Amino acid sequence: MGSPPPRPRRRPGSGDDGLHDGSPDDGGLPSANRGQSTALEYTLALAVASLVITGLLVTAGDFVTQQRSEVVRTELGVVGQQLAGDVVAADRLARAGASTETVAVNASLPGTVAGAGYNIEVADTGSGQWLNLSTADPSVSVSVRFETDTAVATGSVSGGDVSVVYDEGEPGDPDEPDDPHLEVRG
């Protein structure tokens, strides 16, 4: 076995050693240490900072919107459960009195949930009686089921202070149901 072939020697200034390119203008300074323009550094720093800030704002904005929707959904559920309890209580009171003519249960509900106004719709479907609570901005809706023995008039009211009223009905009055019923009034 012989010795390995000799390694070629590089000449200083040949450009292969990465230190300098040998041009007469560089003053023999290494090319990696050349100064960059201050304006270019400033512009690049601003561009990177702008991208980072924009990304953070977009991400944070989506997060806040999602969290607000969840808060509204939770609050609507609580309000719906409270009102459903008041409707059931009014039903019990109406059935407890044999000759009950009027019963009114006042429900002091908040006017807004997480800063958004809401509507309450009473619906009677084949699957049961429902309170449908909804907001427009953000668009959130929650349904709460309840059961009563007394019929409940369908309708819609705005959130806030409402009353659950028992009405015996007025036979012959075209504006009122003939049978006894409960009604949610704003």
N, C-alpha and C. Protein backbone atom coordinates (compact mmCIF):
# COMPACT_ATOMS: atom_id res chain seq x y z
N MET A 1 0.83 -1.16 0.00
CA MET A 1 0.00 0.00 0.00
C MET A 1 0.87 1.22 0.00
N GLY A 2 0.50 2.07 -0.77
CA GLY A 2 1.29 3.28 -0.87
C GLY A 2 0.64 4.41 -0.10
N SER A 3 1.29 5.50 -0.12
CA SER A 3 0.75 6.66 0.57
C SER A 3 -0.32 7.31 -0.30
N PRO A 4 -1.26 7.99 0.34
CA PRO A 4 -2.32 8.64 -0.43
C PRO A 4 -1.75 9.76 -1.27
N PRO A 5 -2.44 10.08 -2.33
CA PRO A 5 -1.94 11.15 -3.19
C PRO A 5 -1.93 12.47 -2.43
N PRO A 6 -1.04 13.33 -2.74
CA PRO A 6 -0.98 14.62 -2.02
C PRO A 6 -2.19 15.47 -2.33
N ARG A 7 -2.58 16.24 -1.34
CA ARG A 7 -3.73 17.13 -1.51
C ARG A 7 -3.27 18.37 -2.22
N PRO A 8 -4.05 18.83 -3.16
CA PRO A 8 -3.63 20.04 -3.87
C PRO A 8 -3.65 21.22 -2.92
N ARG A 9 -2.70 22.06 -3.06
CA ARG A 9 -2.63 23.27 -2.24
C ARG A 9 -3.42 24.37 -2.89
N ARG A 10 -4.08 25.13 -2.05
CA ARG A 10 -4.85 26.26 -2.57
C ARG A 10 -4.05 27.52 -2.40
N ARG A 11 -4.15 28.32 -3.39
CA ARG A 11 -3.44 29.58 -3.33
C ARG A 11 -4.29 30.61 -2.60
N PRO A 12 -3.70 31.41 -1.75
CA PRO A 12 -4.47 32.49 -1.14
C PRO A 12 -5.00 33.42 -2.22
N GLY A 13 -6.27 33.81 -2.05
CA GLY A 13 -6.87 34.73 -2.99
C GLY A 13 -7.50 34.03 -4.17
N SER A 14 -7.52 32.70 -4.18
CA SER A 14 -8.08 31.99 -5.32
C SER A 14 -9.60 31.93 -5.25
N GLY A 15 -10.20 32.28 -4.14
CA GLY A 15 -11.65 32.27 -4.00
C GLY A 15 -12.19 30.93 -3.54
N ASP A 16 -11.38 29.92 -3.47
CA ASP A 16 -11.85 28.60 -3.08
C ASP A 16 -11.86 28.41 -1.57
N ASP A 17 -11.16 29.25 -0.85
CA ASP A 17 -11.08 29.06 0.59
C ASP A 17 -12.18 29.79 1.35
N GLY A 18 -13.03 30.56 0.69
CA GLY A 18 -14.15 31.25 1.32
C GLY A 18 -13.75 32.46 2.13
N LEU A 19 -12.47 32.83 2.14
CA LEU A 19 -12.07 33.97 2.94
C LEU A 19 -12.17 35.27 2.17
N HIS A 20 -11.67 35.30 0.98
CA HIS A 20 -11.80 36.50 0.16
C HIS A 20 -11.69 36.12 -1.29
N ASP A 21 -12.22 37.00 -2.12
CA ASP A 21 -12.27 36.66 -3.53
C ASP A 21 -11.08 37.20 -4.32
N GLY A 22 -10.21 37.87 -3.68
CA GLY A 22 -8.99 38.33 -4.33
C GLY A 22 -9.17 39.55 -5.20
N SER A 23 -10.35 40.15 -5.20
CA SER A 23 -10.52 41.35 -6.02
C SER A 23 -9.81 42.50 -5.33
N PRO A 24 -9.31 43.42 -6.12
CA PRO A 24 -8.54 44.50 -5.52
C PRO A 24 -9.39 45.45 -4.68
N ASP A 25 -10.74 45.44 -4.81
CA ASP A 25 -11.59 46.39 -4.08
C ASP A 25 -11.91 45.95 -2.66
N ASP A 26 -11.80 44.67 -2.37
CA ASP A 26 -12.27 44.22 -1.07
C ASP A 26 -11.30 44.49 0.06
N GLY A 27 -10.15 44.91 -0.23
CA GLY A 27 -9.17 45.26 0.79
C GLY A 27 -8.72 44.05 1.57
N GLY A 28 -8.93 42.88 1.03
CA GLY A 28 -8.49 41.67 1.69
C GLY A 28 -9.39 41.23 2.83
N LEU A 29 -10.60 41.83 2.98
CA LEU A 29 -11.52 41.44 4.04
C LEU A 29 -12.26 40.17 3.65
N PRO A 30 -12.57 39.34 4.63
CA PRO A 30 -13.34 38.14 4.32
C PRO A 30 -14.73 38.53 3.81
N SER A 31 -15.25 37.81 2.81
CA SER A 31 -16.53 38.15 2.20
C SER A 31 -17.69 37.93 3.17
N ALA A 32 -17.56 37.04 4.14
CA ALA A 32 -18.64 36.78 5.09
C ALA A 32 -18.83 37.95 6.04
N ASN A 33 -17.87 38.82 6.18
CA ASN A 33 -17.96 39.94 7.11
C ASN A 33 -18.31 41.25 6.44
N ARG A 34 -18.75 41.20 5.22
CA ARG A 34 -19.13 42.46 4.57
C ARG A 34 -20.35 43.05 5.24
N GLY A 35 -20.42 44.34 5.35
CA GLY A 35 -21.54 45.02 5.99
C GLY A 35 -22.74 45.08 5.06
N GLN A 36 -23.95 45.02 5.65
CA GLN A 36 -25.17 45.17 4.88
C GLN A 36 -25.69 46.57 5.10
N SER A 37 -26.53 46.98 4.21
CA SER A 37 -27.12 48.30 4.30
C SER A 37 -28.05 48.38 5.51
N THR A 38 -27.99 49.46 6.24
CA THR A 38 -28.86 49.66 7.41
C THR A 38 -30.31 49.73 6.98
N ALA A 39 -30.59 50.36 5.86
CA ALA A 39 -31.97 50.47 5.38
C ALA A 39 -32.53 49.09 5.04
N LEU A 40 -31.72 48.22 4.46
CA LEU A 40 -32.17 46.87 4.13
C LEU A 40 -32.49 46.08 5.40
N GLU A 41 -31.62 46.16 6.41
CA GLU A 41 -31.87 45.47 7.67
C GLU A 41 -33.15 45.97 8.32
N TYR A 42 -33.36 47.27 8.31
CA TYR A 42 -34.54 47.87 8.90
C TYR A 42 -35.80 47.39 8.17
N THR A 43 -35.76 47.39 6.85
CA THR A 43 -36.91 46.96 6.06
C THR A 43 -37.24 45.50 6.30
N LEU A 44 -36.23 44.66 6.33
CA LEU A 44 -36.46 43.24 6.59
C LEU A 44 -37.01 43.01 7.99
N ALA A 45 -36.49 43.72 8.97
CA ALA A 45 -36.98 43.59 10.34
C ALA A 45 -38.45 44.00 10.44
N LEU A 46 -38.82 45.10 9.76
CA LEU A 46 -40.21 45.54 9.76
C LEU A 46 -41.11 44.52 9.07
N ALA A 47 -40.66 43.94 7.98
CA ALA A 47 -41.46 42.95 7.26
C ALA A 47 -41.71 41.71 8.12
N VAL A 48 -40.67 41.23 8.78
CA VAL A 48 -40.82 40.05 9.64
C VAL A 48 -41.73 40.37 10.82
N ALA A 49 -41.53 41.51 11.44
CA ALA A 49 -42.37 41.90 12.58
C ALA A 49 -43.83 42.05 12.15
N SER A 50 -44.06 42.62 10.98
CA SER A 50 -45.43 42.78 10.48
C SER A 50 -46.09 41.43 10.25
N LEU A 51 -45.37 40.49 9.69
CA LEU A 51 -45.92 39.16 9.47
C LEU A 51 -46.27 38.47 10.78
N VAL A 52 -45.40 38.58 11.74
CA VAL A 52 -45.64 37.94 13.04
C VAL A 52 -46.85 38.57 13.73
N ILE A 53 -46.92 39.89 13.75
CA ILE A 53 -48.04 40.58 14.40
C ILE A 53 -49.35 40.27 13.69
N THR A 54 -49.36 40.27 12.36
CA THR A 54 -50.57 39.95 11.61
C THR A 54 -51.04 38.54 11.93
N GLY A 55 -50.13 37.60 11.96
CA GLY A 55 -50.48 36.22 12.30
C GLY A 55 -51.07 36.11 13.69
N LEU A 56 -50.48 36.81 14.64
CA LEU A 56 -51.00 36.77 16.01
C LEU A 56 -52.39 37.39 16.10
N LEU A 57 -52.61 38.52 15.41
CA LEU A 57 -53.91 39.17 15.46
C LEU A 57 -55.00 38.31 14.83
N VAL A 58 -54.70 37.68 13.71
CA VAL A 58 -55.69 36.82 13.06
C VAL A 58 -56.03 35.64 13.95
N THR A 59 -55.02 35.02 14.51
CA THR A 59 -55.23 33.87 15.38
C THR A 59 -56.00 34.28 16.64
N ALA A 60 -55.61 35.36 17.25
CA ALA A 60 -56.28 35.82 18.46
C ALA A 60 -57.72 36.23 18.17
N GLY A 61 -57.96 36.88 17.02
CA GLY A 61 -59.32 37.29 16.65
C GLY A 61 -60.24 36.10 16.50
N ASP A 62 -59.78 35.05 15.83
CA ASP A 62 -60.58 33.83 15.68
C ASP A 62 -60.84 33.18 17.03
N PHE A 63 -59.84 33.17 17.88
CA PHE A 63 -59.98 32.57 19.20
C PHE A 63 -61.01 33.32 20.03
N VAL A 64 -60.95 34.65 20.01
CA VAL A 64 -61.89 35.47 20.79
C VAL A 64 -63.31 35.27 20.27
N THR A 65 -63.49 35.22 18.96
CA THR A 65 -64.81 35.02 18.38
C THR A 65 -65.37 33.67 18.79
N GLN A 66 -64.56 32.65 18.74
CA GLN A 66 -64.99 31.31 19.12
C GLN A 66 -65.35 31.26 20.60
N GLN A 67 -64.54 31.88 21.44
CA GLN A 67 -64.82 31.88 22.88
C GLN A 67 -66.10 32.65 23.19
N ARG A 68 -66.34 33.75 22.49
CA ARG A 68 -67.56 34.54 22.72
C ARG A 68 -68.79 33.71 22.35
N SER A 69 -68.71 32.99 21.23
CA SER A 69 -69.83 32.13 20.83
C SER A 69 -70.12 31.07 21.88
N GLU A 70 -69.08 30.50 22.45
CA GLU A 70 -69.27 29.49 23.49
C GLU A 70 -69.88 30.09 24.75
N VAL A 71 -69.47 31.30 25.11
CA VAL A 71 -70.04 31.98 26.28
C VAL A 71 -71.51 32.27 26.04
N VAL A 72 -71.85 32.76 24.83
CA VAL A 72 -73.25 33.04 24.51
C VAL A 72 -74.07 31.75 24.57
N ARG A 73 -73.54 30.67 24.01
CA ARG A 73 -74.25 29.38 24.04
C ARG A 73 -74.51 28.93 25.48
N THR A 74 -73.51 29.04 26.33
CA THR A 74 -73.66 28.64 27.73
C THR A 74 -74.69 29.50 28.44
N GLU A 75 -74.61 30.81 28.25
CA GLU A 75 -75.56 31.71 28.92
C GLU A 75 -76.98 31.50 28.42
N LEU A 76 -77.15 31.27 27.11
CA LEU A 76 -78.50 31.00 26.59
C LEU A 76 -79.06 29.71 27.21
N GLY A 77 -78.21 28.72 27.40
CA GLY A 77 -78.65 27.48 28.03
C GLY A 77 -79.12 27.71 29.46
N VAL A 78 -78.38 28.53 30.20
CA VAL A 78 -78.76 28.84 31.58
C VAL A 78 -80.08 29.61 31.62
N VAL A 79 -80.21 30.61 30.75
CA VAL A 79 -81.44 31.41 30.70
C VAL A 79 -82.62 30.52 30.30
N GLY A 80 -82.40 29.63 29.33
CA GLY A 80 -83.46 28.73 28.89
C GLY A 80 -83.91 27.79 30.00
N GLN A 81 -82.96 27.25 30.75
CA GLN A 81 -83.31 26.37 31.86
C GLN A 81 -84.09 27.12 32.94
N GLN A 82 -83.68 28.35 33.21
CA GLN A 82 -84.38 29.16 34.22
C GLN A 82 -85.82 29.43 33.78
N LEU A 83 -86.00 29.81 32.51
CA LEU A 83 -87.35 30.11 32.02
C LEU A 83 -88.19 28.84 31.95
N ALA A 84 -87.60 27.72 31.55
CA ALA A 84 -88.34 26.46 31.51
C ALA A 84 -88.82 26.10 32.92
N GLY A 85 -87.99 26.32 33.91
CA GLY A 85 -88.40 26.08 35.29
C GLY A 85 -89.57 26.96 35.71
N ASP A 86 -89.56 28.22 35.26
CA ASP A 86 -90.66 29.13 35.58
C ASP A 86 -91.95 28.72 34.88
N VAL A 87 -91.86 28.22 33.65
CA VAL A 87 -93.05 27.75 32.93
C VAL A 87 -93.64 26.53 33.64
N VAL A 88 -92.79 25.60 34.04
CA VAL A 88 -93.25 24.40 34.76
C VAL A 88 -93.85 24.80 36.10
N ALA A 89 -93.26 25.77 36.79
CA ALA A 89 -93.81 26.24 38.07
C ALA A 89 -95.19 26.87 37.87
N ALA A 90 -95.35 27.65 36.81
CA ALA A 90 -96.66 28.26 36.52
C ALA A 90 -97.69 27.18 36.21
N ASP A 91 -97.27 26.12 35.52
CA ASP A 91 -98.17 25.01 35.23
C ASP A 91 -98.62 24.33 36.52
N ARG A 92 -97.70 24.09 37.44
CA ARG A 92 -98.05 23.46 38.73
C ARG A 92 -99.02 24.34 39.52
N LEU A 93 -98.74 25.65 39.54
CA LEU A 93 -99.63 26.56 40.27
C LEU A 93 -101.02 26.60 39.64
N ALA A 94 -101.09 26.58 38.33
CA ALA A 94 -102.39 26.64 37.65
C ALA A 94 -103.18 25.36 37.92
N ARG A 95 -102.52 24.22 37.96
CA ARG A 95 -103.21 22.96 38.19
C ARG A 95 -103.55 22.77 39.66
N ALA A 96 -102.83 23.42 40.56
CA ALA A 96 -103.06 23.24 42.00
C ALA A 96 -104.36 23.87 42.44
N GLY A 97 -104.71 24.98 41.86
CA GLY A 97 -105.95 25.67 42.25
C GLY A 97 -107.09 25.20 41.36
N ALA A 98 -108.17 24.69 41.97
CA ALA A 98 -109.30 24.17 41.20
C ALA A 98 -109.99 25.28 40.41
N SER A 99 -110.07 26.43 40.99
CA SER A 99 -110.77 27.52 40.30
C SER A 99 -109.81 28.68 40.02
N THR A 100 -108.62 28.34 39.59
CA THR A 100 -107.62 29.36 39.32
C THR A 100 -108.01 30.12 38.06
N GLU A 101 -108.11 31.43 38.19
CA GLU A 101 -108.43 32.24 37.03
C GLU A 101 -107.17 32.80 36.39
N THR A 102 -106.26 33.27 37.22
CA THR A 102 -105.02 33.82 36.68
C THR A 102 -103.85 33.43 37.56
N VAL A 103 -102.77 33.18 36.90
CA VAL A 103 -101.49 32.93 37.56
C VAL A 103 -100.46 33.67 36.73
N ALA A 104 -99.55 34.35 37.39
CA ALA A 104 -98.46 35.02 36.67
C ALA A 104 -97.16 34.78 37.43
N VAL A 105 -96.19 34.24 36.73
CA VAL A 105 -94.86 34.03 37.31
C VAL A 105 -93.92 34.97 36.56
N ASN A 106 -93.34 35.91 37.29
CA ASN A 106 -92.42 36.86 36.67
C ASN A 106 -91.01 36.28 36.66
N ALA A 107 -90.40 36.32 35.50
CA ALA A 107 -89.03 35.81 35.35
C ALA A 107 -88.13 36.99 35.01
N SER A 108 -87.21 37.28 35.89
CA SER A 108 -86.27 38.37 35.66
C SER A 108 -85.03 37.82 34.97
N LEU A 109 -85.06 37.85 33.65
CA LEU A 109 -83.96 37.33 32.84
C LEU A 109 -83.08 38.48 32.38
N PRO A 110 -81.81 38.22 32.11
CA PRO A 110 -80.95 39.31 31.61
C PRO A 110 -81.41 39.78 30.24
N GLY A 111 -81.22 41.06 29.97
CA GLY A 111 -81.59 41.62 28.67
C GLY A 111 -80.64 41.22 27.56
N THR A 112 -79.40 40.90 27.92
CA THR A 112 -78.39 40.47 26.94
C THR A 112 -77.59 39.31 27.52
N VAL A 113 -76.99 38.55 26.64
CA VAL A 113 -76.05 37.50 27.04
C VAL A 113 -74.73 37.78 26.35
N ALA A 114 -73.69 37.99 27.12
CA ALA A 114 -72.35 38.35 26.60
C ALA A 114 -72.44 39.54 25.65
N GLY A 115 -73.29 40.50 26.00
CA GLY A 115 -73.41 41.72 25.21
C GLY A 115 -74.29 41.60 23.99
N ALA A 116 -74.94 40.46 23.77
CA ALA A 116 -75.79 40.26 22.59
C ALA A 116 -77.24 40.11 23.02
N GLY A 117 -78.14 40.83 22.35
CA GLY A 117 -79.56 40.67 22.61
C GLY A 117 -80.02 39.32 22.09
N TYR A 118 -81.12 38.80 22.63
CA TYR A 118 -81.59 37.49 22.23
C TYR A 118 -83.11 37.45 22.18
N ASN A 119 -83.63 36.45 21.47
CA ASN A 119 -85.06 36.23 21.36
C ASN A 119 -85.41 34.87 21.93
N ILE A 120 -86.63 34.78 22.44
CA ILE A 120 -87.14 33.53 23.00
C ILE A 120 -88.36 33.14 22.18
N GLU A 121 -88.33 31.96 21.63
CA GLU A 121 -89.48 31.45 20.88
C GLU A 121 -90.01 30.22 21.61
N VAL A 122 -91.33 30.20 21.81
CA VAL A 122 -91.99 29.04 22.42
C VAL A 122 -92.56 28.23 21.27
N ALA A 123 -92.19 26.95 21.21
CA ALA A 123 -92.65 26.08 20.13
C ALA A 123 -93.23 24.81 20.72
N ASP A 124 -94.29 24.33 20.10
CA ASP A 124 -94.90 23.07 20.50
C ASP A 124 -94.88 22.16 19.28
N THR A 125 -93.96 21.21 19.30
CA THR A 125 -93.81 20.30 18.17
C THR A 125 -94.31 18.92 18.56
N GLY A 126 -94.29 18.02 17.63
CA GLY A 126 -94.71 16.65 17.92
C GLY A 126 -93.81 15.98 18.94
N SER A 127 -92.57 16.45 19.04
CA SER A 127 -91.62 15.84 19.98
C SER A 127 -91.64 16.51 21.35
N GLY A 128 -92.47 17.51 21.56
CA GLY A 128 -92.56 18.14 22.86
C GLY A 128 -92.62 19.66 22.77
N GLN A 129 -92.53 20.27 23.94
CA GLN A 129 -92.56 21.72 24.04
C GLN A 129 -91.13 22.22 24.18
N TRP A 130 -90.82 23.30 23.48
CA TRP A 130 -89.44 23.79 23.41
C TRP A 130 -89.38 25.29 23.61
N LEU A 131 -88.32 25.73 24.26
CA LEU A 131 -87.93 27.14 24.29
C LEU A 131 -86.70 27.24 23.38
N ASN A 132 -86.83 28.00 22.32
CA ASN A 132 -85.71 28.22 21.40
C ASN A 132 -85.17 29.62 21.62
N LEU A 133 -83.95 29.70 22.13
CA LEU A 133 -83.31 30.99 22.39
C LEU A 133 -82.24 31.22 21.33
N SER A 134 -82.19 32.44 20.78
CA SER A 134 -81.23 32.69 19.71
C SER A 134 -80.72 34.13 19.74
N THR A 135 -79.49 34.29 19.27
CA THR A 135 -78.89 35.62 19.10
C THR A 135 -78.54 35.78 17.63
N ALA A 136 -78.42 37.04 17.19
CA ALA A 136 -78.07 37.31 15.80
C ALA A 136 -76.56 37.46 15.62
N ASP A 137 -75.89 38.13 16.57
CA ASP A 137 -74.45 38.37 16.41
C ASP A 137 -73.74 38.11 17.73
N PRO A 138 -73.11 36.98 17.90
CA PRO A 138 -72.89 35.90 16.95
C PRO A 138 -74.15 35.05 16.79
N SER A 139 -74.23 34.37 15.67
CA SER A 139 -75.40 33.54 15.37
C SER A 139 -75.33 32.24 16.18
N VAL A 140 -76.08 32.23 17.29
CA VAL A 140 -76.08 31.07 18.18
C VAL A 140 -77.53 30.79 18.56
N SER A 141 -77.89 29.52 18.61
CA SER A 141 -79.23 29.15 19.07
C SER A 141 -79.14 27.94 19.98
N VAL A 142 -80.02 27.93 20.98
CA VAL A 142 -80.08 26.87 21.97
C VAL A 142 -81.54 26.50 22.16
N SER A 143 -81.83 25.22 22.25
CA SER A 143 -83.19 24.75 22.50
C SER A 143 -83.25 24.03 23.84
N VAL A 144 -84.28 24.34 24.61
CA VAL A 144 -84.48 23.72 25.92
C VAL A 144 -85.88 23.11 25.93
N ARG A 145 -85.95 21.83 26.25
CA ARG A 145 -87.22 21.12 26.28
C ARG A 145 -87.83 21.23 27.67
N PHE A 146 -89.16 21.32 27.71
CA PHE A 146 -89.87 21.32 28.99
C PHE A 146 -91.19 20.59 28.79
N GLU A 147 -91.81 20.17 29.89
CA GLU A 147 -93.08 19.45 29.83
C GLU A 147 -94.08 20.07 30.79
N THR A 148 -95.28 20.33 30.26
CA THR A 148 -96.37 20.82 31.09
C THR A 148 -97.63 20.05 30.75
N ASP A 149 -98.57 20.00 31.67
CA ASP A 149 -99.88 19.40 31.40
C ASP A 149 -100.80 20.41 30.74
N THR A 150 -100.58 21.68 31.03
CA THR A 150 -101.36 22.75 30.44
C THR A 150 -100.74 23.14 29.11
N ALA A 151 -101.58 23.40 28.13
CA ALA A 151 -101.07 23.82 26.82
C ALA A 151 -100.31 25.14 26.96
N VAL A 152 -99.31 25.32 26.12
CA VAL A 152 -98.51 26.55 26.13
C VAL A 152 -98.66 27.20 24.76
N ALA A 153 -99.05 28.48 24.76
CA ALA A 153 -99.22 29.20 23.50
C ALA A 153 -97.86 29.43 22.85
N THR A 154 -97.80 29.24 21.54
CA THR A 154 -96.55 29.49 20.82
C THR A 154 -96.43 30.98 20.55
N GLY A 155 -95.21 31.43 20.41
CA GLY A 155 -94.96 32.84 20.15
C GLY A 155 -93.51 33.17 20.39
N SER A 156 -93.19 34.44 20.26
CA SER A 156 -91.81 34.89 20.40
C SER A 156 -91.77 36.20 21.17
N VAL A 157 -90.78 36.33 22.06
CA VAL A 157 -90.56 37.56 22.82
C VAL A 157 -89.07 37.86 22.86
N SER A 158 -88.72 39.09 23.13
CA SER A 158 -87.33 39.48 23.30
C SER A 158 -86.87 39.12 24.71
N GLY A 159 -85.57 38.89 24.87
CA GLY A 159 -85.03 38.57 26.17
C GLY A 159 -85.16 39.73 27.13
N GLY A 160 -85.12 39.44 28.40
CA GLY A 160 -85.27 40.44 29.45
C GLY A 160 -86.32 39.97 30.42
N ASP A 161 -86.98 40.89 31.08
CA ASP A 161 -88.03 40.53 32.03
C ASP A 161 -89.25 40.01 31.28
N VAL A 162 -89.66 38.80 31.58
CA VAL A 162 -90.83 38.18 30.96
C VAL A 162 -91.73 37.63 32.06
N SER A 163 -92.98 37.33 31.69
CA SER A 163 -93.94 36.74 32.61
C SER A 163 -94.53 35.49 31.96
N VAL A 164 -94.73 34.48 32.77
CA VAL A 164 -95.45 33.29 32.33
C VAL A 164 -96.85 33.41 32.93
N VAL A 165 -97.84 33.56 32.06
CA VAL A 165 -99.19 33.88 32.50
C VAL A 165 -100.13 32.72 32.16
N TYR A 166 -100.98 32.35 33.12
CA TYR A 166 -102.02 31.35 32.88
C TYR A 166 -103.28 32.09 32.48
N ASP A 167 -103.88 31.64 31.40
CA ASP A 167 -105.10 32.27 30.91
C ASP A 167 -106.14 31.17 30.72
N GLU A 168 -107.35 31.37 31.27
CA GLU A 168 -108.41 30.36 31.15
C GLU A 168 -108.94 30.24 29.73
N GLY A 169 -108.69 31.21 28.92
CA GLY A 169 -109.21 31.20 27.55
C GLY A 169 -110.54 31.90 27.46
N GLU A 170 -110.86 32.36 26.29
CA GLU A 170 -112.10 33.08 26.04
C GLU A 170 -112.84 32.42 24.88
N PRO A 171 -113.81 31.56 25.16
CA PRO A 171 -114.57 30.98 24.05
C PRO A 171 -115.28 32.07 23.27
N GLY A 172 -115.18 32.01 21.98
CA GLY A 172 -115.84 32.99 21.13
C GLY A 172 -114.95 34.17 20.76
N ASP A 173 -113.83 34.40 21.46
CA ASP A 173 -112.93 35.51 21.13
C ASP A 173 -111.94 35.03 20.07
N PRO A 174 -111.96 35.62 18.87
CA PRO A 174 -111.08 35.14 17.80
C PRO A 174 -109.60 35.41 18.07
N ASP A 175 -109.28 36.34 18.96
CA ASP A 175 -107.89 36.69 19.25
C ASP A 175 -107.29 35.82 20.35
N GLU A 176 -108.10 35.07 21.08
CA GLU A 176 -107.62 34.26 22.20
C GLU A 176 -107.97 32.80 21.98
N PRO A 177 -107.09 31.89 22.39
CA PRO A 177 -107.45 30.47 22.34
C PRO A 177 -108.63 30.19 23.28
N ASP A 178 -109.45 29.20 22.90
CA ASP A 178 -110.62 28.87 23.70
C ASP A 178 -110.27 28.12 24.97
N ASP A 179 -109.21 27.32 24.94
CA ASP A 179 -108.86 26.46 26.08
C ASP A 179 -107.90 27.19 27.02
N PRO A 180 -107.87 26.72 28.27
CA PRO A 180 -106.88 27.28 29.22
C PRO A 180 -105.45 27.02 28.69
N HIS A 181 -104.59 27.97 28.89
CA HIS A 181 -103.22 27.84 28.38
C HIS A 181 -102.28 28.74 29.15
N LEU A 182 -100.99 28.43 29.01
CA LEU A 182 -99.92 29.29 29.53
C LEU A 182 -99.36 30.08 28.38
N GLU A 183 -98.87 31.27 28.69
CA GLU A 183 -98.32 32.13 27.66
C GLU A 183 -97.09 32.87 28.21
N VAL A 184 -96.03 32.91 27.43
CA VAL A 184 -94.83 33.66 27.82
C VAL A 184 -94.97 35.05 27.18
N ARG A 185 -94.98 36.07 28.04
CA ARG A 185 -95.16 37.46 27.56
C ARG A 185 -93.96 38.29 27.95
N GLY A 186 -93.62 39.23 27.06
CA GLY A 186 -92.50 40.12 27.31
C GLY A 186 -92.89 41.37 28.02
